[in-house]
N, C-alpha and C. Protein backbone atom coordinates (compact mmCIF):
# COMPACT_ATOMS: atom_id res chain seq x y z
N MET A 1 174.11 192.78 71.09
CA MET A 1 173.05 191.79 70.96
C MET A 1 172.73 191.64 69.48
N SER A 2 172.95 190.46 68.93
CA SER A 2 172.67 190.25 67.52
C SER A 2 171.30 189.62 67.35
N SER A 3 170.66 190.03 66.32
CA SER A 3 169.35 189.43 66.05
C SER A 3 169.50 188.45 64.90
N SER A 4 168.85 187.32 65.03
CA SER A 4 168.94 186.32 63.97
C SER A 4 167.96 186.69 62.87
N PRO A 5 168.33 186.40 61.62
CA PRO A 5 167.43 186.73 60.53
C PRO A 5 166.16 185.89 60.64
N GLN A 6 165.05 186.53 60.34
CA GLN A 6 163.77 185.83 60.40
C GLN A 6 163.66 184.88 59.22
N SER A 7 163.32 183.63 59.50
CA SER A 7 163.22 182.67 58.41
C SER A 7 161.90 182.86 57.67
N THR A 8 161.96 182.72 56.38
CA THR A 8 160.75 182.82 55.59
C THR A 8 160.35 181.43 55.14
N GLN A 9 159.09 181.22 55.06
CA GLN A 9 158.55 179.93 54.63
C GLN A 9 158.16 180.03 53.17
N SER A 10 158.45 178.99 52.43
CA SER A 10 158.03 178.87 51.04
C SER A 10 157.20 177.61 50.90
N ASP A 11 156.49 177.50 49.79
CA ASP A 11 155.73 176.30 49.50
C ASP A 11 156.56 175.40 48.60
N TYR A 12 156.52 174.10 48.91
CA TYR A 12 157.25 173.10 48.15
C TYR A 12 156.29 171.99 47.74
N LEU A 13 156.41 171.58 46.49
CA LEU A 13 155.60 170.50 45.95
C LEU A 13 156.35 169.18 46.14
N LEU A 14 155.69 168.21 46.76
CA LEU A 14 156.25 166.87 46.87
C LEU A 14 155.47 165.98 45.91
N LEU A 15 156.11 165.52 44.85
CA LEU A 15 155.49 164.64 43.86
C LEU A 15 155.83 163.20 44.18
N PHE A 16 154.81 162.37 44.29
CA PHE A 16 155.01 160.96 44.61
C PHE A 16 155.05 160.17 43.31
N ARG A 17 156.20 159.57 43.01
CA ARG A 17 156.40 158.83 41.76
C ARG A 17 156.46 157.32 42.02
N ASN A 18 156.30 156.57 40.92
CA ASN A 18 156.26 155.10 40.96
C ASN A 18 155.06 154.62 41.76
N ALA A 19 153.96 155.34 41.61
CA ALA A 19 152.78 155.07 42.44
C ALA A 19 151.64 154.46 41.65
N GLY A 20 151.96 153.68 40.63
CA GLY A 20 150.91 152.99 39.88
C GLY A 20 150.38 151.80 40.66
N GLU A 21 149.43 151.13 40.07
CA GLU A 21 148.82 149.97 40.73
C GLU A 21 149.86 148.91 41.11
N GLU A 22 150.87 148.75 40.25
CA GLU A 22 151.85 147.70 40.50
C GLU A 22 152.68 147.95 41.76
N SER A 23 152.79 149.20 42.20
CA SER A 23 153.58 149.48 43.40
C SER A 23 152.92 148.93 44.67
N HIS A 24 151.61 148.68 44.59
CA HIS A 24 150.88 148.16 45.74
C HIS A 24 150.43 146.71 45.54
N ALA A 25 150.65 146.16 44.35
CA ALA A 25 150.12 144.83 44.01
C ALA A 25 150.64 143.73 44.92
N HIS A 26 151.84 143.86 45.42
CA HIS A 26 152.43 142.81 46.25
C HIS A 26 151.96 142.86 47.71
N LEU A 27 151.25 143.90 48.08
CA LEU A 27 150.83 144.06 49.48
C LEU A 27 149.53 143.30 49.76
N THR A 28 149.48 142.70 50.93
CA THR A 28 148.24 142.05 51.37
C THR A 28 147.26 143.14 51.80
N ARG A 29 146.03 142.75 52.02
CA ARG A 29 145.01 143.70 52.48
C ARG A 29 145.44 144.34 53.81
N ASP A 30 145.97 143.53 54.73
CA ASP A 30 146.43 144.05 56.02
C ASP A 30 147.61 145.02 55.85
N GLN A 31 148.52 144.69 54.93
CA GLN A 31 149.65 145.59 54.68
C GLN A 31 149.19 146.91 54.08
N ARG A 32 148.19 146.84 53.22
CA ARG A 32 147.63 148.08 52.65
C ARG A 32 146.97 148.92 53.74
N ALA A 33 146.27 148.26 54.65
CA ALA A 33 145.62 148.97 55.75
C ALA A 33 146.68 149.63 56.65
N GLU A 34 147.77 148.91 56.91
CA GLU A 34 148.84 149.46 57.74
C GLU A 34 149.52 150.63 57.04
N LEU A 35 149.74 150.52 55.73
CA LEU A 35 150.34 151.62 54.97
C LEU A 35 149.41 152.83 54.97
N THR A 36 148.12 152.59 54.82
CA THR A 36 147.15 153.69 54.86
C THR A 36 147.21 154.40 56.20
N GLU A 37 147.32 153.64 57.27
CA GLU A 37 147.41 154.23 58.61
C GLU A 37 148.67 155.07 58.75
N ARG A 38 149.80 154.59 58.20
CA ARG A 38 151.05 155.37 58.25
C ARG A 38 150.92 156.66 57.46
N TRP A 39 150.26 156.61 56.29
CA TRP A 39 150.01 157.83 55.51
C TRP A 39 149.17 158.81 56.34
N ASN A 40 148.10 158.30 56.96
CA ASN A 40 147.23 159.16 57.78
C ASN A 40 148.01 159.79 58.93
N GLN A 41 148.87 159.04 59.58
CA GLN A 41 149.68 159.57 60.68
C GLN A 41 150.65 160.65 60.18
N TRP A 42 151.25 160.42 59.01
CA TRP A 42 152.20 161.40 58.44
C TRP A 42 151.48 162.69 58.13
N VAL A 43 150.31 162.58 57.48
CA VAL A 43 149.54 163.78 57.12
C VAL A 43 149.08 164.50 58.38
N THR A 44 148.61 163.77 59.38
CA THR A 44 148.17 164.38 60.63
C THR A 44 149.33 165.13 61.30
N ALA A 45 150.53 164.54 61.28
CA ALA A 45 151.70 165.20 61.86
C ALA A 45 152.03 166.48 61.10
N LEU A 46 151.97 166.46 59.77
CA LEU A 46 152.23 167.67 58.98
C LEU A 46 151.20 168.75 59.29
N LEU A 47 149.94 168.36 59.42
CA LEU A 47 148.89 169.31 59.77
C LEU A 47 149.12 169.91 61.15
N SER A 48 149.51 169.09 62.10
CA SER A 48 149.71 169.58 63.47
C SER A 48 150.87 170.56 63.55
N LYS A 49 151.82 170.46 62.63
CA LYS A 49 152.97 171.39 62.58
C LYS A 49 152.71 172.56 61.64
N ASP A 50 151.50 172.64 61.10
CA ASP A 50 151.13 173.69 60.14
C ASP A 50 152.07 173.68 58.92
N GLN A 51 152.46 172.48 58.48
CA GLN A 51 153.34 172.36 57.32
C GLN A 51 152.60 171.95 56.05
N LEU A 52 151.41 171.40 56.18
CA LEU A 52 150.68 170.90 55.01
C LEU A 52 149.77 171.97 54.46
N ARG A 53 149.90 172.26 53.18
CA ARG A 53 149.04 173.22 52.50
C ARG A 53 147.86 172.52 51.82
N GLU A 54 148.17 171.48 51.04
CA GLU A 54 147.16 170.72 50.31
C GLU A 54 147.79 169.45 49.78
N GLY A 55 146.96 168.58 49.25
CA GLY A 55 147.46 167.37 48.64
C GLY A 55 146.32 166.51 48.14
N HIS A 56 146.61 165.72 47.12
CA HIS A 56 145.60 164.83 46.54
C HIS A 56 146.26 163.65 45.87
N PRO A 57 145.63 162.49 45.93
CA PRO A 57 146.06 161.39 45.08
C PRO A 57 145.56 161.68 43.66
N LEU A 58 146.17 161.03 42.69
CA LEU A 58 145.76 161.20 41.30
C LEU A 58 145.12 159.92 40.79
N ALA A 59 144.18 160.06 39.86
CA ALA A 59 143.55 158.90 39.24
C ALA A 59 144.61 158.07 38.53
N LEU A 60 144.35 156.79 38.36
CA LEU A 60 145.31 155.91 37.70
C LEU A 60 145.34 156.11 36.19
N THR A 61 144.32 156.76 35.63
CA THR A 61 144.28 157.01 34.19
C THR A 61 144.19 158.51 33.94
N GLY A 62 144.52 158.91 32.73
CA GLY A 62 144.46 160.30 32.35
C GLY A 62 144.74 160.44 30.87
N ARG A 63 145.14 161.61 30.44
CA ARG A 63 145.50 161.87 29.05
C ARG A 63 146.85 162.56 29.01
N VAL A 64 147.59 162.30 27.95
CA VAL A 64 148.86 162.96 27.69
C VAL A 64 148.67 163.81 26.44
N VAL A 65 148.88 165.10 26.56
CA VAL A 65 148.75 166.03 25.45
C VAL A 65 150.16 166.40 25.02
N SER A 66 150.45 166.28 23.72
CA SER A 66 151.80 166.57 23.23
C SER A 66 151.73 167.15 21.82
N GLY A 67 152.89 167.52 21.34
CA GLY A 67 152.99 168.15 20.02
C GLY A 67 152.97 169.65 20.16
N PRO A 68 153.56 170.36 19.20
CA PRO A 68 153.66 171.82 19.29
C PRO A 68 152.33 172.52 19.49
N GLY A 69 151.27 172.02 18.87
CA GLY A 69 149.96 172.63 19.02
C GLY A 69 149.01 171.78 19.85
N GLY A 70 149.55 170.80 20.57
CA GLY A 70 148.72 169.92 21.38
C GLY A 70 147.87 168.99 20.54
N GLU A 71 148.35 168.70 19.32
CA GLU A 71 147.55 167.90 18.39
C GLU A 71 147.48 166.42 18.75
N ARG A 72 148.37 165.95 19.61
CA ARG A 72 148.34 164.55 20.00
C ARG A 72 147.79 164.42 21.42
N ILE A 73 146.69 163.68 21.52
CA ILE A 73 146.12 163.38 22.83
C ILE A 73 145.99 161.86 22.91
N THR A 74 146.70 161.28 23.87
CA THR A 74 146.70 159.83 24.02
C THR A 74 146.35 159.46 25.45
N ASP A 75 145.93 158.22 25.63
CA ASP A 75 145.68 157.74 26.98
C ASP A 75 147.00 157.68 27.72
N GLY A 76 146.96 157.93 28.99
CA GLY A 76 148.17 157.88 29.80
C GLY A 76 147.77 158.02 31.25
N PRO A 77 148.65 158.03 32.17
CA PRO A 77 150.07 157.80 31.93
C PRO A 77 150.30 156.38 31.46
N TYR A 78 151.41 156.15 30.83
CA TYR A 78 151.69 154.85 30.24
C TYR A 78 152.03 153.84 31.32
N ALA A 79 151.43 152.67 31.25
CA ALA A 79 151.64 151.62 32.26
C ALA A 79 153.11 151.22 32.36
N GLU A 80 153.84 151.27 31.23
CA GLU A 80 155.23 150.86 31.27
C GLU A 80 156.15 151.92 31.86
N ALA A 81 155.64 153.13 32.05
CA ALA A 81 156.47 154.20 32.61
C ALA A 81 156.76 153.91 34.07
N LYS A 82 158.03 154.02 34.46
CA LYS A 82 158.41 153.77 35.84
C LYS A 82 158.32 155.03 36.69
N GLU A 83 157.99 156.14 36.08
CA GLU A 83 157.95 157.40 36.81
C GLU A 83 156.54 157.97 36.87
N VAL A 84 155.54 157.12 37.00
CA VAL A 84 154.16 157.57 37.08
C VAL A 84 153.97 158.40 38.34
N VAL A 85 153.38 159.58 38.20
CA VAL A 85 153.07 160.42 39.35
C VAL A 85 151.73 159.97 39.91
N GLY A 86 151.71 159.61 41.18
CA GLY A 86 150.50 159.09 41.80
C GLY A 86 149.79 160.07 42.70
N GLY A 87 150.44 161.18 43.03
CA GLY A 87 149.82 162.17 43.89
C GLY A 87 150.83 163.22 44.29
N TYR A 88 150.37 164.16 45.10
CA TYR A 88 151.24 165.25 45.53
C TYR A 88 150.73 165.85 46.83
N VAL A 89 151.61 166.53 47.51
CA VAL A 89 151.23 167.42 48.60
C VAL A 89 152.05 168.69 48.44
N VAL A 90 151.52 169.78 48.96
CA VAL A 90 152.24 171.04 49.03
C VAL A 90 152.49 171.31 50.50
N VAL A 91 153.76 171.50 50.85
CA VAL A 91 154.13 171.75 52.24
C VAL A 91 154.82 173.10 52.38
N LYS A 92 154.78 173.64 53.59
CA LYS A 92 155.52 174.85 53.93
C LYS A 92 156.84 174.43 54.57
N ALA A 93 157.92 175.08 54.15
CA ALA A 93 159.23 174.79 54.75
C ALA A 93 160.11 176.01 54.58
N GLY A 94 161.13 176.10 55.41
CA GLY A 94 162.04 177.23 55.37
C GLY A 94 163.11 177.15 54.30
N SER A 95 163.29 175.96 53.71
CA SER A 95 164.32 175.80 52.68
C SER A 95 164.04 174.50 51.92
N LEU A 96 164.76 174.34 50.82
CA LEU A 96 164.66 173.10 50.06
C LEU A 96 165.12 171.92 50.91
N ASP A 97 166.17 172.12 51.71
CA ASP A 97 166.64 171.05 52.58
C ASP A 97 165.60 170.66 53.62
N ALA A 98 164.91 171.66 54.18
CA ALA A 98 163.86 171.38 55.16
C ALA A 98 162.70 170.63 54.51
N ALA A 99 162.35 171.01 53.28
CA ALA A 99 161.28 170.31 52.56
C ALA A 99 161.70 168.86 52.25
N ALA A 100 162.97 168.66 51.93
CA ALA A 100 163.46 167.30 51.67
C ALA A 100 163.40 166.46 52.95
N GLN A 101 163.64 167.08 54.09
CA GLN A 101 163.52 166.36 55.36
C GLN A 101 162.07 165.93 55.60
N ILE A 102 161.12 166.80 55.26
CA ILE A 102 159.70 166.44 55.37
C ILE A 102 159.42 165.24 54.46
N ALA A 103 159.95 165.28 53.24
CA ALA A 103 159.73 164.20 52.27
C ALA A 103 160.30 162.88 52.77
N ARG A 104 161.35 162.92 53.57
CA ARG A 104 161.96 161.69 54.10
C ARG A 104 160.99 160.91 54.97
N GLY A 105 159.94 161.57 55.47
CA GLY A 105 158.94 160.90 56.29
C GLY A 105 157.84 160.23 55.50
N CYS A 106 157.86 160.35 54.18
CA CYS A 106 156.80 159.79 53.35
C CYS A 106 156.71 158.28 53.52
N PRO A 107 155.55 157.76 53.93
CA PRO A 107 155.40 156.33 54.13
C PRO A 107 155.57 155.51 52.86
N GLY A 108 155.32 156.08 51.70
CA GLY A 108 155.43 155.35 50.44
C GLY A 108 156.85 154.99 50.07
N LEU A 109 157.84 155.64 50.68
CA LEU A 109 159.23 155.31 50.39
C LEU A 109 159.52 153.85 50.68
N SER A 110 158.84 153.29 51.68
CA SER A 110 159.10 151.91 52.08
C SER A 110 158.65 150.89 51.03
N ILE A 111 157.80 151.30 50.09
CA ILE A 111 157.36 150.36 49.04
C ILE A 111 157.89 150.77 47.66
N GLY A 112 158.89 151.66 47.65
CA GLY A 112 159.55 151.99 46.39
C GLY A 112 159.16 153.29 45.75
N LEU A 113 158.25 154.06 46.35
CA LEU A 113 157.93 155.36 45.79
C LEU A 113 159.14 156.27 45.92
N THR A 114 159.23 157.24 45.05
CA THR A 114 160.22 158.30 45.19
C THR A 114 159.45 159.60 45.35
N VAL A 115 160.08 160.57 45.98
CA VAL A 115 159.44 161.86 46.20
C VAL A 115 160.32 162.93 45.58
N GLU A 116 159.78 163.64 44.61
CA GLU A 116 160.48 164.77 44.02
C GLU A 116 160.06 166.02 44.77
N VAL A 117 161.03 166.83 45.20
CA VAL A 117 160.76 168.03 45.98
C VAL A 117 161.12 169.24 45.14
N ARG A 118 160.15 170.13 44.93
CA ARG A 118 160.38 171.32 44.11
C ARG A 118 159.73 172.53 44.76
N GLU A 119 160.42 173.65 44.80
CA GLU A 119 159.84 174.88 45.32
C GLU A 119 158.83 175.42 44.32
N LEU A 120 157.69 175.88 44.82
CA LEU A 120 156.69 176.54 43.98
C LEU A 120 157.05 178.02 43.89
N LEU A 121 157.10 178.54 42.69
CA LEU A 121 157.49 179.93 42.46
C LEU A 121 156.32 180.74 41.92
N ALA A 122 156.38 182.03 42.10
CA ALA A 122 155.35 182.92 41.59
C ALA A 122 155.46 183.10 40.07
N ARG A 123 156.71 183.00 39.55
CA ARG A 123 156.95 183.19 38.11
C ARG A 123 157.92 182.13 37.63
N SER A 124 157.84 181.83 36.34
CA SER A 124 158.74 180.86 35.74
C SER A 124 160.15 181.43 35.67
N PRO A 125 161.14 180.73 36.24
CA PRO A 125 162.51 181.22 36.15
C PRO A 125 163.04 181.16 34.72
N VAL A 126 162.49 180.27 33.91
CA VAL A 126 162.91 180.15 32.52
C VAL A 126 162.46 181.36 31.71
N LEU A 127 161.32 181.92 32.06
CA LEU A 127 160.78 183.06 31.31
C LEU A 127 161.08 184.40 31.97
N GLU A 128 161.86 184.40 33.03
CA GLU A 128 162.15 185.64 33.76
C GLU A 128 162.77 186.69 32.85
N ASP A 129 163.69 186.30 31.96
CA ASP A 129 164.31 187.28 31.07
C ASP A 129 163.30 187.87 30.10
N VAL A 130 162.30 187.12 29.69
CA VAL A 130 161.25 187.62 28.80
C VAL A 130 160.41 188.64 29.54
N ARG A 131 160.10 188.37 30.79
CA ARG A 131 159.27 189.27 31.58
C ARG A 131 159.97 190.62 31.74
N SER A 132 161.28 190.62 32.00
CA SER A 132 161.98 191.88 32.22
C SER A 132 162.06 192.71 30.93
N VAL A 133 162.05 192.04 29.78
CA VAL A 133 162.06 192.75 28.50
C VAL A 133 160.67 193.32 28.19
N SER A 134 159.63 192.52 28.45
CA SER A 134 158.28 192.94 28.10
C SER A 134 157.68 193.89 29.14
N ASP A 135 158.22 193.90 30.36
CA ASP A 135 157.71 194.77 31.42
C ASP A 135 158.88 195.53 32.03
N PRO A 136 159.17 196.71 31.48
CA PRO A 136 160.35 197.46 31.96
C PRO A 136 160.24 197.88 33.42
N THR A 137 159.06 197.83 34.02
CA THR A 137 158.93 198.23 35.43
C THR A 137 159.27 197.09 36.37
N ALA A 138 159.48 195.89 35.82
CA ALA A 138 159.77 194.72 36.67
C ALA A 138 161.18 194.76 37.19
């Protein structure tokens, strides 16, 4: 009798891109209401499956901090940018592929949004080698 390995769940960030005002400008009031209802149904389905951790829309304006010491602070995101992040959700899934399948249900895809799917990690993989040098017990 073989036992199957127990699947572990990880958290994945779904970033909604191309979500500026212009992505909705062509929609009528009724179309916006219908899209809102589809978003509500998608979120309700994720909640019912215990897959949704959190999520929020983002304001249309903000600040961009740049430069080695953060010396440049400008208004943003830039209106001409085609990759404006409009919001996010964090979902539970057993793999990156499973999280991508959840993202395929995003109602915003029908109006041109894209969804970037990334696993949330406890530590930066880029700095992992620094951590092992600075903490010999790691």
